[in-house]
C-alpha atoms as a PDB file:
ATOM      1  CA  LEU A   1       0.000   0.000   0.000  1.00  0.00           C
ATOM      2  CA  GLN A   2       2.746   2.449   0.934  1.00  0.00           C
ATOM      3  CA  LYS A   3       4.465   2.340  -2.442  1.00  0.00           C
ATOM      4  CA  PHE A   4       1.175   2.655  -4.321  1.00  0.00           C
ATOM      5  CA  TYR A   5      -0.135   5.704  -2.477  1.00  0.00           C
ATOM      6  CA  PHE A   6       3.116   7.353  -1.361  1.00  0.00           C
ATOM      7  CA  PRO A   7       5.868   6.257  -3.766  1.00  0.00           C
ATOM      8  CA  ASP A   8       8.468   8.909  -2.937  1.00  0.00           C
ATOM      9  CA  GLU A   9       9.495   9.714   0.611  1.00  0.00           C
ATOM     10  CA  ALA A  10      11.365  12.969   0.984  1.00  0.00           C
ATOM     11  CA  GLY A  11      14.837  12.299   2.376  1.00  0.00           C
ATOM     12  CA  ALA A  12      14.941  15.552   4.357  1.00  0.00           C
ATOM     13  CA  ASP A  13      11.635  14.659   5.985  1.00  0.00           C
ATOM     14  CA  VAL A  14      13.035  11.286   7.119  1.00  0.00           C
ATOM     15  CA  ASP A  15      16.181  13.064   8.362  1.00  0.00           C
ATOM     16  CA  GLU A  16      14.026  15.370  10.490  1.00  0.00           C
ATOM     17  CA  LEU A  17      12.041  12.438  11.848  1.00  0.00           C
ATOM     18  CA  ALA A  18      15.251  10.546  12.688  1.00  0.00           C
ATOM     19  CA  ALA A  19      16.540  13.594  14.589  1.00  0.00           C
ATOM     20  CA  ASP A  20      13.243  13.820  16.479  1.00  0.00           C
ATOM     21  CA  ILE A  21      13.294  10.105  17.356  1.00  0.00           C
ATOM     22  CA  LEU A  22      16.898  10.438  18.528  1.00  0.00           C
ATOM     23  CA  ALA A  23      15.983  13.412  20.735  1.00  0.00           C
ATOM     24  CA  ASN A  24      12.603  12.240  22.033  1.00  0.00           C
ATOM     25  CA  GLY A  25      12.411   8.510  21.431  1.00  0.00           C
ATOM     26  CA  LEU A  26       9.784   6.720  19.381  1.00  0.00           C
ATOM     27  CA  GLN A  27       6.495   8.326  20.392  1.00  0.00           C
ATOM     28  CA  GLN A  28       4.155   6.043  18.445  1.00  0.00           C
ATOM     29  CA  ARG A  29       4.693   2.359  17.798  1.00  0.00           C
ATOM     30  CA  ILE A  30       4.691   0.932  14.313  1.00  0.00           C
ATOM     31  CA  GLU A  31       1.555  -1.073  13.468  1.00  0.00           C
ATOM     32  CA  ILE A  32       1.944  -4.305  11.509  1.00  0.00           C
ATOM     33  CA  THR A  33      -0.154  -7.245  10.367  1.00  0.00           C
ATOM     34  CA  PRO A  34       0.638 -10.721  11.753  1.00  0.00           C
ATOM     35  CA  ASP A  35       2.726 -11.453   8.636  1.00  0.00           C
ATOM     36  CA  GLY A  36       4.909  -8.385   9.308  1.00  0.00           C
ATOM     37  CA  THR A  37       3.420  -6.003   6.735  1.00  0.00           C
ATOM     38  CA  ILE A  38       3.612  -2.421   7.991  1.00  0.00           C
ATOM     39  CA  ILE A  39       0.239  -0.695   8.216  1.00  0.00           C
ATOM     40  CA  SER A  40       1.406   2.460   9.931  1.00  0.00           C
ATOM     41  CA  GLY A  41       4.950   3.649  10.512  1.00  0.00           C
ATOM     42  CA  HIS A  42       6.832   3.327   7.224  1.00  0.00           C
ATOM     43  CA  ARG A  43       8.650   6.645   7.725  1.00  0.00           C
ATOM     44  CA  ARG A  44       9.377   5.843  11.398  1.00  0.00           C
ATOM     45  CA  ARG A  45      10.937   2.558  10.280  1.00  0.00           C
ATOM     46  CA  MET A  46      13.028   4.360   7.648  1.00  0.00           C
ATOM     47  CA  ALA A  47      14.150   6.899  10.253  1.00  0.00           C
ATOM     48  CA  MET A  48      15.132   4.179  12.736  1.00  0.00           C
ATOM     49  CA  MET A  49      17.000   2.265  10.004  1.00  0.00           C
ATOM     50  CA  GLN A  50      18.885   5.470   9.276  1.00  0.00           C
ATOM     51  CA  LEU A  51      19.777   5.807  12.964  1.00  0.00           C
ATOM     52  CA  VAL A  52      21.004   2.188  13.076  1.00  0.00           C
ATOM     53  CA  MET A  53      23.180   2.868  10.012  1.00  0.00           C
ATOM     54  CA  GLN A  54      24.639   5.805  11.975  1.00  0.00           C
ATOM     55  CA  GLY A  55      25.640   3.394  14.742  1.00  0.00           C
ATOM     56  CA  ARG A  56      22.642   3.836  17.054  1.00  0.00           C
ATOM     57  CA  GLU A  57      22.012   0.130  17.751  1.00  0.00           C
ATOM     58  CA  GLU A  58      19.323   0.883  20.377  1.00  0.00           C
ATOM     59  CA  PHE A  59      16.930   1.574  17.484  1.00  0.00           C
ATOM     60  CA  ARG A  60      17.512  -1.785  15.766  1.00  0.00           C
ATOM     61  CA  VAL A  61      14.705  -3.561  17.678  1.00  0.00           C
ATOM     62  CA  GLN A  62      11.493  -1.803  18.695  1.00  0.00           C
ATOM     63  CA  GLU A  63       8.174  -2.990  20.051  1.00  0.00           C
ATOM     64  CA  VAL A  64       5.384  -2.936  17.495  1.00  0.00           C
ATOM     65  CA  VAL A  65       1.606  -3.282  17.615  1.00  0.00           C
ATOM     66  CA  VAL A  66       0.468  -6.415  15.799  1.00  0.00           C
ATOM     67  CA  ARG A  67      -3.053  -5.826  14.445  1.00  0.00           C
ATOM     68  CA  TYR A  68      -4.596  -9.303  14.608  1.00  0.00           C
ATOM     69  CA  ASP A  69      -8.023  -7.631  14.709  1.00  0.00           C
ATOM     70  CA  LEU A  70      -7.539  -5.992  11.325  1.00  0.00           C
ATOM     71  CA  ALA A  71      -6.091  -9.147   9.796  1.00  0.00           C
ATOM     72  CA  ALA A  72      -9.155 -11.081  10.981  1.00  0.00           C
ATOM     73  CA  ASP A  73     -11.445  -8.480   9.397  1.00  0.00           C
ATOM     74  CA  GLY A  74      -9.687  -8.784   6.033  1.00  0.00           C
ATOM     75  CA  GLY A  75      -7.877  -6.674   3.479  1.00  0.00           C
ATOM     76  CA  ASP A  76     -10.404  -3.825   3.409  1.00  0.00           C
ATOM     77  CA  ALA A  77      -9.981  -3.253   7.162  1.00  0.00           C
ATOM     78  CA  ILE A  78      -6.196  -3.107   6.783  1.00  0.00           C
ATOM     79  CA  LYS A  79      -6.455  -0.767   3.802  1.00  0.00           C
ATOM     80  CA  ARG A  80      -8.952   1.472   5.650  1.00  0.00           C
ATOM     81  CA  ARG A  81      -6.599   1.727   8.666  1.00  0.00           C
ATOM     82  CA  PHE A  82      -3.619   2.483   6.426  1.00  0.00           C
ATOM     83  CA  LEU A  83      -5.513   5.206   4.571  1.00  0.00           C
ATOM     84  CA  GLU A  84      -6.949   6.729   7.741  1.00  0.00           C
ATOM     85  CA  GLU A  85      -3.548   6.795   9.424  1.00  0.00           C
ATOM     86  CA  ASN A  86      -1.996   8.559   6.437  1.00  0.00           C
ATOM     87  CA  ARG A  87      -4.870  10.910   5.561  1.00  0.00           C
ATOM     88  CA  ASN A  88      -3.301  13.952   7.212  1.00  0.00           C
ATOM     89  CA  ARG A  89       0.285  13.586   6.018  1.00  0.00           C
ATOM     90  CA  ARG A  90       1.730  17.041   5.535  1.00  0.00           C
ATOM     91  CA  GLN A  91       3.785  16.042   2.512  1.00  0.00           C
ATOM     92  CA  MET A  92       0.857  14.722   0.475  1.00  0.00           C
ATOM     93  CA  THR A  93       0.591  16.061  -3.029  1.00  0.00           C
ATOM     94  CA  PRO A  94      -2.711  16.618  -4.823  1.00  0.00           C
ATOM     95  CA  MET A  95      -2.270  13.338  -6.717  1.00  0.00           C
ATOM     96  CA  ALA A  96      -1.733  11.466  -3.425  1.00  0.00           C
ATOM     97  CA  TYR A  97      -4.829  13.155  -1.997  1.00  0.00           C
ATOM     98  CA  ALA A  98      -6.696  12.051  -5.116  1.00  0.00           C
ATOM     99  CA  ALA A  99      -5.627   8.426  -4.800  1.00  0.00           C
ATOM    100  CA  VAL A 100      -6.238   8.205  -1.043  1.00  0.00           C
ATOM    101  CA  SER A 101      -9.607   9.971  -1.100  1.00  0.00           C
ATOM    102  CA  ARG A 102     -10.833   7.860  -4.019  1.00  0.00           C
ATOM    103  CA  ALA A 103      -9.711   4.692  -2.218  1.00  0.00           C
ATOM    104  CA  PHE A 104     -11.766   5.795   0.829  1.00  0.00           C
ATOM    105  CA  TYR A 105     -14.717   6.414  -1.464  1.00  0.00           C
ATOM    106  CA  GLU A 106     -14.428   2.983  -3.077  1.00  0.00           C
ATOM    107  CA  LEU A 107     -14.138   1.255   0.314  1.00  0.00           C
ATOM    108  CA  GLU A 108     -17.202   3.013   1.711  1.00  0.00           C
ATOM    109  CA  LEU A 109     -19.424   3.035  -1.381  1.00  0.00           C
ATOM    110  CA  GLY A 110     -22.556   1.010  -0.791  1.00  0.00           C
ATOM    111  CA  VAL A 111     -22.088   0.860   2.990  1.00  0.00           C
ATOM    112  CA  GLY A 112     -25.261   2.756   3.793  1.00  0.00           C
ATOM    113  CA  HIS A 113     -24.409   6.073   2.135  1.00  0.00           C
ATOM    114  CA  SER A 114     -25.660   7.627  -1.042  1.00  0.00           C
ATOM    115  CA  ASP A 115     -23.029   8.675  -3.563  1.00  0.00           C
ATOM    116  CA  ALA A 116     -23.571  12.374  -2.789  1.00  0.00           C
ATOM    117  CA  GLU A 117     -23.503  11.862   1.011  1.00  0.00           C
ATOM    118  CA  LEU A 118     -20.323   9.828   0.833  1.00  0.00           C
ATOM    119  CA  LYS A 119     -18.604  12.306  -1.459  1.00  0.00           C
ATOM    120  CA  GLN A 120     -19.600  15.168   0.870  1.00  0.00           C
ATOM    121  CA  ARG A 121     -18.270  13.286   3.910  1.00  0.00           C
ATOM    122  CA  ILE A 122     -14.933  12.589   2.219  1.00  0.00           C
ATOM    123  CA  ALA A 123     -14.679  16.177   0.954  1.00  0.00           C
ATOM    124  CA  GLU A 124     -15.159  17.405   4.538  1.00  0.00           C
ATOM    125  CA  LYS A 125     -12.391  15.062   5.759  1.00  0.00           C
ATOM    126  CA  TYR A 126     -10.004  16.634   3.260  1.00  0.00           C
ATOM    127  CA  LYS A 127     -11.338  20.152   3.770  1.00  0.00           C
ATOM    128  CA  VAL A 128     -12.304  20.590   0.114  1.00  0.00           C
ATOM    129  CA  ASN A 129     -15.592  20.714  -1.753  1.00  0.00           C
ATOM    130  CA  PRO A 130     -16.978  17.753  -3.698  1.00  0.00           C
ATOM    131  CA  LYS A 131     -16.155  19.435  -7.034  1.00  0.00           C
ATOM    132  CA  THR A 132     -12.478  19.472  -6.027  1.00  0.00           C
ATOM    133  CA  LEU A 133     -12.717  15.724  -5.342  1.00  0.00           C
ATOM    134  CA  ASP A 134     -14.186  15.242  -8.817  1.00  0.00           C
ATOM    135  CA  ARG A 135     -11.266  17.162 -10.353  1.00  0.00           C
ATOM    136  CA  TRP A 136      -8.713  15.189  -8.330  1.00  0.00           C
ATOM    137  CA  TRP A 137     -10.312  11.882  -9.224  1.00  0.00           C
ATOM    138  CA  ALA A 138     -10.508  12.776 -12.899  1.00  0.00           C
ATOM    139  CA  LEU A 139      -6.732  13.321 -12.959  1.00  0.00           C
ATOM    140  CA  LEU A 140      -6.318   9.691 -11.904  1.00  0.00           C
ATOM    141  CA  ASP A 141      -7.681   8.769 -15.340  1.00  0.00           C
ATOM    142  CA  LEU A 142      -4.592  10.252 -17.001  1.00  0.00           C
ATOM    143  CA  PRO A 143      -1.760   7.882 -17.913  1.00  0.00           C
ATOM    144  CA  VAL A 144       0.676   7.418 -15.046  1.00  0.00           C
ATOM    145  CA  GLU A 145       3.460   9.279 -16.890  1.00  0.00           C
ATOM    146  CA  LEU A 146       1.328  12.435 -16.986  1.00  0.00           C
ATOM    147  CA  GLN A 147       0.194  11.907 -13.390  1.00  0.00           C
ATOM    148  CA  CYS A 148       3.860  11.851 -12.374  1.00  0.00           C
ATOM    149  CA  LEU A 149       4.430  15.202 -14.086  1.00  0.00           C
ATOM    150  CA  ILE A 150       1.473  16.652 -12.175  1.00  0.00           C
ATOM    151  CA  GLU A 151       2.769  15.048  -8.968  1.00  0.00           C
ATOM    152  CA  ARG A 152       6.142  16.778  -9.424  1.00  0.00           C
ATOM    153  CA  LYS A 153       4.355  20.028 -10.331  1.00  0.00           C
ATOM    154  CA  GLU A 154       5.940  19.988 -13.769  1.00  0.00           C
ATOM    155  CA  LEU A 155       2.538  19.867 -15.455  1.00  0.00           C
ATOM    156  CA  PRO A 156      -0.215  22.089 -14.011  1.00  0.00           C
ATOM    157  CA  GLN A 157      -3.345  20.322 -12.750  1.00  0.00           C
ATOM    158  CA  GLN A 158      -5.472  22.606 -14.898  1.00  0.00           C
ATOM    159  CA  LEU A 159      -3.624  21.502 -18.009  1.00  0.00           C
ATOM    160  CA  GLY A 160      -4.110  17.871 -17.006  1.00  0.00           C
ATOM    161  CA  GLN A 161      -7.839  18.541 -16.640  1.00  0.00           C
ATOM    162  CA  GLN A 162      -7.926  20.210 -20.065  1.00  0.00           C
ATOM    163  CA  LEU A 163      -6.253  17.172 -21.588  1.00  0.00           C
ATOM    164  CA  LEU A 164      -8.983  14.966 -20.147  1.00  0.00           C
ATOM    165  CA  ASP A 165     -11.697  17.301 -21.370  1.00  0.00           C
ATOM    166  CA  TYR A 166     -10.443  18.084 -24.875  1.00  0.00           C
ATOM    167  CA  ALA A 167      -7.589  15.875 -26.058  1.00  0.00           C
ATOM    168  CA  GLU A 168      -8.074  12.851 -28.252  1.00  0.00           C
ATOM    169  CA  PRO A 169      -6.630   9.554 -26.990  1.00  0.00           C
ATOM    170  CA  LYS A 170      -3.993   9.684 -29.757  1.00  0.00           C
ATOM    171  CA  GLU A 171      -2.862  13.144 -28.574  1.00  0.00           C
ATOM    172  CA  ILE A 172      -2.600  11.944 -24.980  1.00  0.00           C
ATOM    173  CA  GLN A 173      -0.559   8.943 -26.097  1.00  0.00           C
ATOM    174  CA  GLU A 174       1.812  11.264 -27.982  1.00  0.00           C
ATOM    175  CA  LEU A 175       2.276  13.290 -24.780  1.00  0.00           C
ATOM    176  CA  VAL A 176       2.996  10.091 -22.856  1.00  0.00           C
ATOM    177  CA  GLU A 177       5.692   9.200 -25.389  1.00  0.00           C
ATOM    178  CA  LEU A 178       7.129  12.710 -25.031  1.00  0.00           C
ATOM    179  CA  ALA A 179       7.067  12.409 -21.245  1.00  0.00           C
ATOM    180  CA  ARG A 180       9.080   9.203 -21.519  1.00  0.00           C
ATOM    181  CA  SER A 181      11.677  10.624 -23.871  1.00  0.00           C
ATOM    182  CA  ALA A 182      11.722  14.424 -23.779  1.00  0.00           C
ATOM    183  CA  THR A 183      11.926  17.242 -21.332  1.00  0.00           C
ATOM    184  CA  THR A 184       8.926  18.444 -19.358  1.00  0.00           C
ATOM    185  CA  PRO A 185       8.798  21.872 -21.079  1.00  0.00           C
ATOM    186  CA  GLU A 186       8.244  20.106 -24.414  1.00  0.00           C
ATOM    187  CA  VAL A 187       5.333  18.108 -22.915  1.00  0.00           C
ATOM    188  CA  LYS A 188       3.817  21.301 -21.497  1.00  0.00           C
ATOM    189  CA  ARG A 189       4.254  23.143 -24.805  1.00  0.00           C
ATOM    190  CA  ARG A 190       2.628  20.353 -26.816  1.00  0.00           C
ATOM    191  CA  ALA A 191      -0.188  19.882 -24.276  1.00  0.00           C
ATOM    192  CA  ARG A 192      -1.258  23.495 -24.631  1.00  0.00           C
END
């Protein structure tokens, strides 16, 4: 789940977390499934691994919380916990917000909420309006190469939305090929 929703962890952010753990200790235990899969605490684990590599052996072994309850409830319960735990990450980009909020929507759809009620509830969680959710979710329909450009803020979200609204599939595929082989300014120029 971590690599799907949050593929790039900022090194400086992990450095700051490692410094905080060194100064204050681990304030929140890592949560795992019985098979050892991390549900919550990927960055904490990276920070502690960094400390161990710096010779701080006291961080090599830490107590964790094993979530047998979530494992018994199945994959959706684990995914829901992972998403909820990471919903307020300060380093989330709009594309990460899009993926996480849509995953919440898909998990909750049909569990006693109308489409509009559910969308409103999720929009309130993310402090946006439902139209913003629609725009975020639409961007997830772009090819991953173009999503990555939006993620890195090399392609404006508005331009991505315009591509979805007006570009032919062949034109989008040409932009994907450019994104794979050319510089971002060329993709932006051709997309306009």
